[in-house]
């Protein structure tokens, strides 16, 4: 049975197997990520985490453009993948080079904006991280092929191997005294490995002619995806930008540390399951009721699992941090507790995006995410001014709760 014309039973089996593999991958990666954070917290200082988080705001901004929404559009148009794969490869590569150039260009401007004491160091770190973009875009079409064919076992294994190598390299470089640059060097080598594995497992025939005239047919929807990613980036990185503008780099590092710990809970299921949902929902006939019913069943499962886990994580944050980390990180306990409570609703945001993309509602999704910015920055700035990092954390948690409710209402409309 082909992925483009699945029966309900075969689709359900594929989704179940895909969810199982991606869940296993996420559990492994999150366990590995927690161990990595434990080790890195011993090897690095608050300022190292703060420096990396500032560089990450610039990197993640350019990351929106490094695939031009190609992967999502290809998965949504899976019935005609053979027509668009070669065009998508060249478009993706071009967007990766654009992202690289943008990052290098904005690096010195970011160093001035944040008033970092050593602007050359921040600039160099951002430029090193920019090298990841061209590498990542070369495997975008291969990853789309694996998703369309619902070969989530291969995706899970590749992801697990890549993250294992990435973690080991970061620890090695940090132990060599490279500080925040450890994150960048490890990621570059790990992405090269990921690229090689994707091409080995899912090769795609590529024509040497880029066919520039046909790029616009992918870019129309792709730019809507990029627009959504831009607004999502503003939300994901806006708290660091606001905090970095008003507070010292050590405070930013503390918040970054707390958010990473809390984020492990939210992404345990939802981030990877959303990939399975996008592939599965896109393979259904263009019947809104059928897609919505499938989404609601998946959302119920995610809510039953994630909401209790978020509350439990908030409750055990104090003894957990005191058991696993050194005293210099104890100030993050209150922040972790607040963020985990805010994540109870946020865990639904990625599955909601999968439904809207599967329906081809790229523009609507972009407008919904963009509209939420109208109250994001007023909340975060007010929270920072009134309560420093604690006030910001409360503001972000309140925002996540209401924004997810609004997204859910529009997705089901």
Protein backbone atom coordinates (compact mmCIF):
# COMPACT_ATOMS: atom_id res chain seq x y z
CA UNK A 1 0.00 0.00 0.00
CA UNK A 2 1.57 3.28 -1.06
CA UNK A 3 1.86 6.24 1.28
CA UNK A 4 -0.16 8.34 -1.13
CA UNK A 5 -3.27 6.10 -0.95
CA UNK A 6 -3.29 4.47 2.45
CA UNK A 7 -6.14 2.57 4.04
CA UNK A 8 -7.16 3.60 7.54
CA UNK A 9 -5.65 0.46 9.05
CA UNK A 10 -2.30 0.73 7.28
CA UNK A 11 -2.12 4.42 8.03
CA UNK A 12 -2.85 3.79 11.69
CA UNK A 13 -0.16 1.12 11.82
CA UNK A 14 2.38 3.39 10.12
CA UNK A 15 1.56 6.24 12.49
CA UNK A 16 1.82 3.95 15.53
CA UNK A 17 5.16 2.54 14.41
CA UNK A 18 6.45 5.99 13.47
CA UNK A 19 5.32 7.45 16.78
CA UNK A 20 6.97 4.57 18.65
CA UNK A 21 10.29 5.02 16.88
CA UNK A 22 10.30 8.80 17.18
CA UNK A 23 9.26 8.59 20.84
CA UNK A 24 12.10 6.16 21.52
CA UNK A 25 14.48 8.53 19.77
CA UNK A 26 13.23 11.48 21.80
CA UNK A 27 13.51 9.61 25.09
CA UNK A 28 17.09 8.68 24.24
CA UNK A 29 17.99 12.16 23.03
CA UNK A 30 16.45 13.87 26.05
CA UNK A 31 18.25 11.50 28.40
CA UNK A 32 21.44 12.17 26.49
CA UNK A 33 20.72 15.91 26.54
CA UNK A 34 20.27 15.87 30.30
CA UNK A 35 23.56 14.04 30.76
CA UNK A 36 25.22 16.50 28.39
CA UNK A 37 23.87 19.46 30.35
CA UNK A 38 25.11 17.91 33.58
CA UNK A 39 28.62 17.55 32.19
CA UNK A 40 28.66 20.91 30.42
CA UNK A 41 27.44 22.64 33.60
CA UNK A 42 30.55 21.32 35.33
CA UNK A 43 32.95 22.22 32.51
CA UNK A 44 31.54 25.64 31.55
CA UNK A 45 30.62 28.83 33.38
CA UNK A 46 27.42 30.87 33.35
CA UNK A 47 29.08 33.33 30.99
CA UNK A 48 29.80 30.52 28.52
CA UNK A 49 26.12 29.54 28.47
CA UNK A 50 25.18 33.20 28.19
CA UNK A 51 27.56 33.77 25.26
CA UNK A 52 26.18 30.73 23.43
CA UNK A 53 22.56 31.78 24.02
CA UNK A 54 23.26 35.25 22.57
CA UNK A 55 24.92 33.71 19.50
CA UNK A 56 21.98 31.33 19.19
CA UNK A 57 19.54 34.23 18.75
CA UNK A 58 21.35 35.27 15.55
CA UNK A 59 21.84 31.69 14.34
CA UNK A 60 18.21 30.74 14.87
CA UNK A 61 17.05 33.85 13.01
CA UNK A 62 18.96 32.85 9.89
CA UNK A 63 17.89 29.22 10.39
CA UNK A 64 14.41 30.18 9.24
CA UNK A 65 15.71 30.77 5.72
CA UNK A 66 18.16 27.91 5.40
CA UNK A 67 15.61 25.54 3.81
CA UNK A 68 12.98 28.07 2.63
CA UNK A 69 10.21 25.80 3.95
CA UNK A 70 11.17 23.16 1.38
CA UNK A 71 10.85 20.14 3.67
CA UNK A 72 7.31 20.98 4.86
CA UNK A 73 6.07 21.78 1.35
CA UNK A 74 7.55 18.56 -0.08
CA UNK A 75 5.88 16.46 2.63
CA UNK A 76 2.54 18.19 2.01
CA UNK A 77 2.91 17.58 -1.76
CA UNK A 78 4.11 14.01 -1.33
CA UNK A 79 2.10 12.68 -4.29
CA UNK A 80 4.30 14.72 -6.66
CA UNK A 81 7.60 14.35 -4.78
CA UNK A 82 9.36 12.93 -7.85
CA UNK A 83 8.57 16.13 -9.76
CA UNK A 84 9.78 18.59 -7.14
CA UNK A 85 12.69 16.80 -5.43
CA UNK A 86 15.44 18.01 -7.78
CA UNK A 87 14.13 21.58 -7.82
CA UNK A 88 13.82 21.53 -4.05
CA UNK A 89 17.44 20.40 -3.66
CA UNK A 90 18.85 23.42 -5.49
CA UNK A 91 16.41 25.82 -3.86
CA UNK A 92 17.32 24.44 -0.44
CA UNK A 93 21.05 24.75 -1.14
CA UNK A 94 20.64 28.34 -2.32
CA UNK A 95 18.68 29.25 0.79
CA UNK A 96 21.39 27.64 2.97
CA UNK A 97 24.04 29.82 1.38
CA UNK A 98 21.84 32.88 1.88
CA UNK A 99 21.41 31.97 5.55
CA UNK A 100 25.19 31.60 5.90
CA UNK A 101 25.77 35.04 4.38
CA UNK A 102 23.07 36.67 6.53
CA UNK A 103 24.55 35.23 9.71
CA UNK A 104 28.07 36.41 8.93
CA UNK A 105 26.72 39.84 8.00
CA UNK A 106 24.69 40.31 11.18
CA UNK A 107 27.31 38.87 13.56
CA UNK A 108 29.17 42.15 14.31
CA UNK A 109 25.88 44.06 14.56
CA UNK A 110 24.61 41.58 17.17
CA UNK A 111 27.78 42.00 19.22
CA UNK A 112 27.19 45.77 19.32
CA UNK A 113 23.49 45.39 20.11
CA UNK A 114 24.12 43.21 23.17
CA UNK A 115 27.06 45.37 24.39
CA UNK A 116 29.03 42.19 24.94
CA UNK A 117 32.40 42.93 26.66
CA UNK A 118 34.34 40.96 24.02
CA UNK A 119 32.48 41.68 20.73
CA UNK A 120 35.09 39.88 18.61
CA UNK A 121 34.55 36.65 20.53
CA UNK A 122 30.76 36.78 20.05
CA UNK A 123 31.19 37.66 16.36
CA UNK A 124 33.56 34.73 15.78
CA UNK A 125 31.21 32.28 17.53
CA UNK A 126 28.27 33.36 15.38
CA UNK A 127 30.35 32.99 12.19
CA UNK A 128 31.47 29.49 13.15
CA UNK A 129 27.85 28.45 13.82
CA UNK A 130 26.87 29.80 10.38
CA UNK A 131 28.84 26.98 8.73
CA UNK A 132 26.07 24.56 9.79
CA UNK A 133 23.56 26.00 7.28
CA UNK A 134 25.02 24.85 3.94
CA UNK A 135 25.66 21.41 5.43
CA UNK A 136 22.10 21.01 6.72
CA UNK A 137 20.41 22.07 3.47
CA UNK A 138 22.17 19.40 1.40
CA UNK A 139 20.16 16.69 3.18
CA UNK A 140 16.74 18.40 3.35
CA UNK A 141 15.25 16.51 0.38
CA UNK A 142 16.52 13.19 1.74
CA UNK A 143 14.86 13.82 5.11
CA UNK A 144 11.63 14.78 3.34
CA UNK A 145 11.75 11.49 1.41
CA UNK A 146 12.13 9.51 4.64
CA UNK A 147 9.17 11.34 6.19
CA UNK A 148 6.95 10.83 3.14
CA UNK A 149 7.73 7.12 3.07
CA UNK A 150 7.16 7.02 6.83
CA UNK A 151 10.57 5.49 7.38
CA UNK A 152 10.75 6.83 10.89
CA UNK A 153 12.92 3.98 12.11
CA UNK A 154 15.74 5.19 9.87
CA UNK A 155 15.10 8.80 10.88
CA UNK A 156 15.19 7.84 14.56
CA UNK A 157 18.42 5.86 14.22
CA UNK A 158 20.13 8.61 12.24
CA UNK A 159 19.02 11.19 14.80
CA UNK A 160 20.21 9.10 17.73
CA UNK A 161 23.63 8.43 16.16
CA UNK A 162 24.06 12.08 15.21
CA UNK A 163 23.15 13.36 18.67
CA UNK A 164 25.45 10.83 20.37
CA UNK A 165 28.40 12.01 18.32
CA UNK A 166 27.37 15.62 18.86
CA UNK A 167 27.27 15.20 22.65
CA UNK A 168 30.64 13.43 22.81
CA UNK A 169 32.29 16.08 20.67
CA UNK A 170 30.88 18.94 22.75
CA UNK A 171 32.17 17.35 25.94
CA UNK A 172 35.56 16.76 24.33
CA UNK A 173 35.88 20.34 23.09
CA UNK A 174 34.65 21.77 26.41
CA UNK A 175 37.23 19.67 28.25
CA UNK A 176 39.87 21.15 25.95
CA UNK A 177 38.92 24.61 27.22
CA UNK A 178 37.06 25.89 24.15
CA UNK A 179 34.16 27.27 26.19
CA UNK A 180 31.06 28.30 24.25
CA UNK A 181 32.75 27.33 20.96
CA UNK A 182 32.38 23.68 22.03
CA UNK A 183 28.70 23.82 21.06
CA UNK A 184 29.49 25.08 17.55
CA UNK A 185 32.37 22.73 16.67
CA UNK A 186 30.45 19.67 17.86
CA UNK A 187 27.35 20.64 15.86
CA UNK A 188 29.32 21.15 12.62
CA UNK A 189 30.90 17.69 12.69
CA UNK A 190 27.63 16.04 13.76
CA UNK A 191 25.77 17.69 10.87
CA UNK A 192 28.35 16.37 8.40
CA UNK A 193 27.73 12.88 9.75
CA UNK A 194 23.95 13.37 9.51
CA UNK A 195 24.30 14.47 5.89
CA UNK A 196 26.30 11.39 4.95
CA UNK A 197 23.84 9.04 6.66
CA UNK A 198 20.79 10.66 5.00
CA UNK A 199 22.25 10.33 1.52
CA UNK A 200 23.29 6.74 2.20
CA UNK A 201 19.87 5.66 3.50
CA UNK A 202 17.63 7.74 1.20
CA UNK A 203 19.45 8.75 -2.01
CA UNK A 204 17.58 11.10 -4.33
CA UNK A 205 18.42 11.54 -8.05
CA UNK A 206 19.40 15.16 -8.65
CA UNK A 207 19.49 16.90 -12.02
CA UNK A 208 22.32 19.32 -12.60
CA UNK A 209 19.89 21.92 -14.02
CA UNK A 210 18.49 24.03 -11.14
CA UNK A 211 15.36 24.98 -13.18
CA UNK A 212 15.16 28.48 -11.69
CA UNK A 213 11.84 29.27 -13.38
CA UNK A 214 10.05 26.59 -11.36
CA UNK A 215 11.38 27.74 -7.97
CA UNK A 216 8.47 30.14 -7.54
CA UNK A 217 6.00 27.26 -7.37
CA UNK A 218 7.73 25.97 -4.26
CA UNK A 219 8.50 29.41 -2.88
CA UNK A 220 4.85 30.51 -2.78
CA UNK A 221 4.02 28.09 0.03
CA UNK A 222 7.61 27.97 1.22
CA UNK A 223 7.61 31.67 2.04
CA UNK A 224 4.47 31.20 4.13
CA UNK A 225 6.34 28.52 6.07
CA UNK A 226 9.32 30.86 6.43
CA UNK A 227 6.96 33.60 7.61
CA UNK A 228 5.58 31.29 10.29
CA UNK A 229 9.09 30.31 11.28
CA UNK A 230 10.09 33.97 11.51
CA UNK A 231 7.26 34.81 13.90
CA UNK A 232 7.96 31.63 15.86
CA UNK A 233 11.64 32.64 16.05
CA UNK A 234 10.68 36.04 17.45
CA UNK A 235 8.69 34.24 20.14
CA UNK A 236 11.33 31.58 20.85
CA UNK A 237 14.24 34.03 20.98
CA UNK A 238 12.46 37.24 21.97
CA UNK A 239 12.79 36.51 25.67
CA UNK A 240 16.58 36.14 25.31
CA UNK A 241 16.73 39.34 23.26
CA UNK A 242 14.77 41.31 25.86
CA UNK A 243 16.74 39.84 28.76
CA UNK A 244 20.06 40.33 26.97
CA UNK A 245 19.20 43.99 26.44
CA UNK A 246 18.29 44.70 30.08
CA UNK A 247 20.37 42.24 32.12
CA UNK A 248 23.95 40.96 32.39
CA UNK A 249 25.10 37.99 30.32
CA UNK A 250 25.23 35.78 33.43
CA UNK A 251 21.51 36.31 34.02
CA UNK A 252 20.82 35.35 30.40
CA UNK A 253 22.88 32.20 30.91
CA UNK A 254 20.86 31.30 34.02
CA UNK A 255 17.57 31.69 32.13
CA UNK A 256 18.96 29.74 29.16
CA UNK A 257 19.96 26.91 31.51
CA UNK A 258 16.51 26.84 33.16
CA UNK A 259 14.64 26.96 29.86
CA UNK A 260 16.71 24.11 28.40
CA UNK A 261 15.91 21.90 31.40
CA UNK A 262 12.19 22.68 31.13
CA UNK A 263 12.15 22.30 27.34
CA UNK A 264 13.27 18.67 27.67
CA UNK A 265 9.84 17.93 29.12
CA UNK A 266 7.86 19.72 26.41
CA UNK A 267 9.74 18.18 23.49
CA UNK A 268 9.79 14.68 24.93
CA UNK A 269 6.89 13.75 22.66
CA UNK A 270 5.49 16.72 20.78
CA UNK A 271 8.37 17.93 18.61
CA UNK A 272 9.10 14.60 16.96
CA UNK A 273 5.50 13.34 16.96
CA UNK A 274 4.56 16.45 14.99
CA UNK A 275 6.73 15.13 12.13
CA UNK A 276 4.80 11.87 12.13
CA UNK A 277 1.50 13.77 12.21
CA UNK A 278 2.48 15.98 9.27
CA UNK A 279 3.33 12.97 7.11
CA UNK A 280 0.24 11.01 8.18
CA UNK A 281 -2.27 13.85 7.88
CA UNK A 282 -0.87 14.87 4.48
CA UNK A 283 -1.41 11.34 3.18
CA UNK A 284 -5.12 11.43 4.04
CA UNK A 285 -7.63 12.47 1.36
CA UNK A 286 -8.34 16.20 1.27
CA UNK A 287 -11.19 15.77 3.74
CA UNK A 288 -11.02 18.35 6.53
CA UNK A 289 -13.23 16.34 8.91
CA UNK A 290 -11.08 13.22 8.57
CA UNK A 291 -7.88 15.16 9.18
CA UNK A 292 -9.33 17.05 12.14
CA UNK A 293 -10.64 13.87 13.78
CA UNK A 294 -7.22 12.23 13.43
CA UNK A 295 -5.58 15.33 14.89
CA UNK A 296 -7.96 15.46 17.88
CA UNK A 297 -7.23 11.82 18.74
CA UNK A 298 -3.50 12.52 18.62
CA UNK A 299 -3.90 15.72 20.66
CA UNK A 300 -5.77 13.84 23.39
CA UNK A 301 -2.95 11.32 23.71
CA UNK A 302 -0.31 14.04 23.86
CA UNK A 303 -2.26 16.02 26.46
CA UNK A 304 -2.80 12.96 28.69
CA UNK A 305 0.95 12.30 28.71
CA UNK A 306 2.52 15.78 28.64
CA UNK A 307 0.36 17.77 31.06
CA UNK A 308 0.91 15.49 34.09
CA UNK A 309 4.62 15.26 33.28
CA UNK A 310 4.94 19.07 33.17
CA UNK A 311 3.26 19.42 36.58
CA UNK A 312 5.41 16.63 38.02
CA UNK A 313 8.58 18.26 36.68
CA UNK A 314 7.61 21.54 38.33
CA UNK A 315 7.08 19.75 41.63
CA UNK A 316 10.41 17.88 41.64
CA UNK A 317 12.56 20.66 40.14
CA UNK A 318 13.95 21.75 43.52
CA UNK A 319 15.31 18.40 44.74
CA UNK A 320 16.31 17.38 41.22
CA UNK A 321 18.49 20.43 40.58
CA UNK A 322 20.04 20.24 44.06
CA UNK A 323 20.86 16.57 43.48
CA UNK A 324 22.31 16.86 39.97
CA UNK A 325 23.86 20.31 39.71
CA UNK A 326 26.31 22.51 41.58
CA UNK A 327 25.13 25.34 43.89
CA UNK A 328 25.78 28.05 41.30
CA UNK A 329 22.73 26.76 39.39
CA UNK A 330 20.31 26.74 42.34
CA UNK A 331 18.95 30.16 41.34
CA UNK A 332 17.42 28.45 38.29
CA UNK A 333 15.06 26.29 40.39
CA UNK A 334 12.27 28.85 40.60
CA UNK A 335 12.58 29.59 36.88
CA UNK A 336 12.30 25.89 35.99
CA UNK A 337 9.17 25.53 38.12
CA UNK A 338 7.46 28.48 36.44
CA UNK A 339 8.42 27.46 32.88
CA UNK A 340 7.23 23.87 33.37
CA UNK A 341 3.78 25.13 34.36
CA UNK A 342 3.69 27.29 31.23
CA UNK A 343 4.67 24.31 29.09
CA UNK A 344 1.46 22.39 29.92
CA UNK A 345 -0.38 24.13 27.07
CA UNK A 346 2.66 24.85 24.92
CA UNK A 347 3.12 21.11 24.29
CA UNK A 348 0.18 21.30 21.86
CA UNK A 349 1.62 24.01 19.58
CA UNK A 350 3.65 21.76 17.25
CA UNK A 351 0.83 19.24 16.59
CA UNK A 352 -1.46 22.20 15.82
CA UNK A 353 1.05 23.42 13.22
CA UNK A 354 1.17 19.92 11.68
CA UNK A 355 -2.60 19.94 11.12
CA UNK A 356 -2.64 23.35 9.45
CA UNK A 357 0.34 22.52 7.22
CA UNK A 358 -1.18 19.18 6.20
CA UNK A 359 -4.30 21.08 5.11
CA UNK A 360 -2.15 23.47 3.05
CA UNK A 361 -3.17 26.40 5.29
CA UNK A 362 0.35 27.85 5.36
CA UNK A 363 -0.83 31.45 5.14
CA UNK A 364 -3.38 31.08 7.94
CA UNK A 365 -0.80 29.50 10.22
CA UNK A 366 1.61 32.35 9.53
CA UNK A 367 -1.01 34.99 10.36
CA UNK A 368 -2.05 33.26 13.58
CA UNK A 369 1.52 32.98 14.85
CA UNK A 370 2.32 36.53 13.74
CA UNK A 371 -0.77 37.92 15.46
CA UNK A 372 0.38 36.55 18.80
CA UNK A 373 3.33 38.96 18.71
CA UNK A 374 0.93 41.81 19.47
CA UNK A 375 0.99 40.84 23.13
CA UNK A 376 4.29 38.89 23.37
CA UNK A 377 6.72 41.80 23.60
CA UNK A 378 4.55 44.01 25.84
CA UNK A 379 4.27 41.08 28.26
CA UNK A 380 7.98 40.18 28.26
CA UNK A 381 9.25 43.76 28.50
CA UNK A 382 6.82 44.53 31.31
CA UNK A 383 7.80 41.35 33.13
CA UNK A 384 11.52 42.12 32.83
CA UNK A 385 11.17 45.72 33.97
CA UNK A 386 9.03 44.79 36.98
CA UNK A 387 10.62 41.51 38.04
CA UNK A 388 13.91 40.95 36.19
CA UNK A 389 14.42 37.33 35.12
CA UNK A 390 11.62 35.97 37.34
CA UNK A 391 9.15 38.50 35.94
CA UNK A 392 10.17 37.60 32.40
CA UNK A 393 9.69 33.89 33.12
CA UNK A 394 6.17 34.46 34.45
CA UNK A 395 5.31 36.61 31.42
CA UNK A 396 6.54 33.95 28.98
CA UNK A 397 4.54 31.21 30.71
CA UNK A 398 1.36 33.31 30.62
CA UNK A 399 1.93 34.04 26.94
CA UNK A 400 2.40 30.35 26.04
CA UNK A 401 -0.88 29.44 27.71
CA UNK A 402 -3.07 31.97 25.91
CA UNK A 403 -1.27 31.74 22.55
CA UNK A 404 -1.76 27.97 22.36
CA UNK A 405 -5.50 28.29 23.12
CA UNK A 406 -5.86 30.82 20.28
CA UNK A 407 -3.90 28.60 17.84
CA UNK A 408 -6.05 25.61 18.71
CA UNK A 409 -9.25 27.57 18.03
CA UNK A 410 -8.04 28.70 14.60
CA UNK A 411 -6.78 25.22 13.68
CA UNK A 412 -10.20 23.66 14.28
CA UNK A 413 -12.14 26.49 12.62
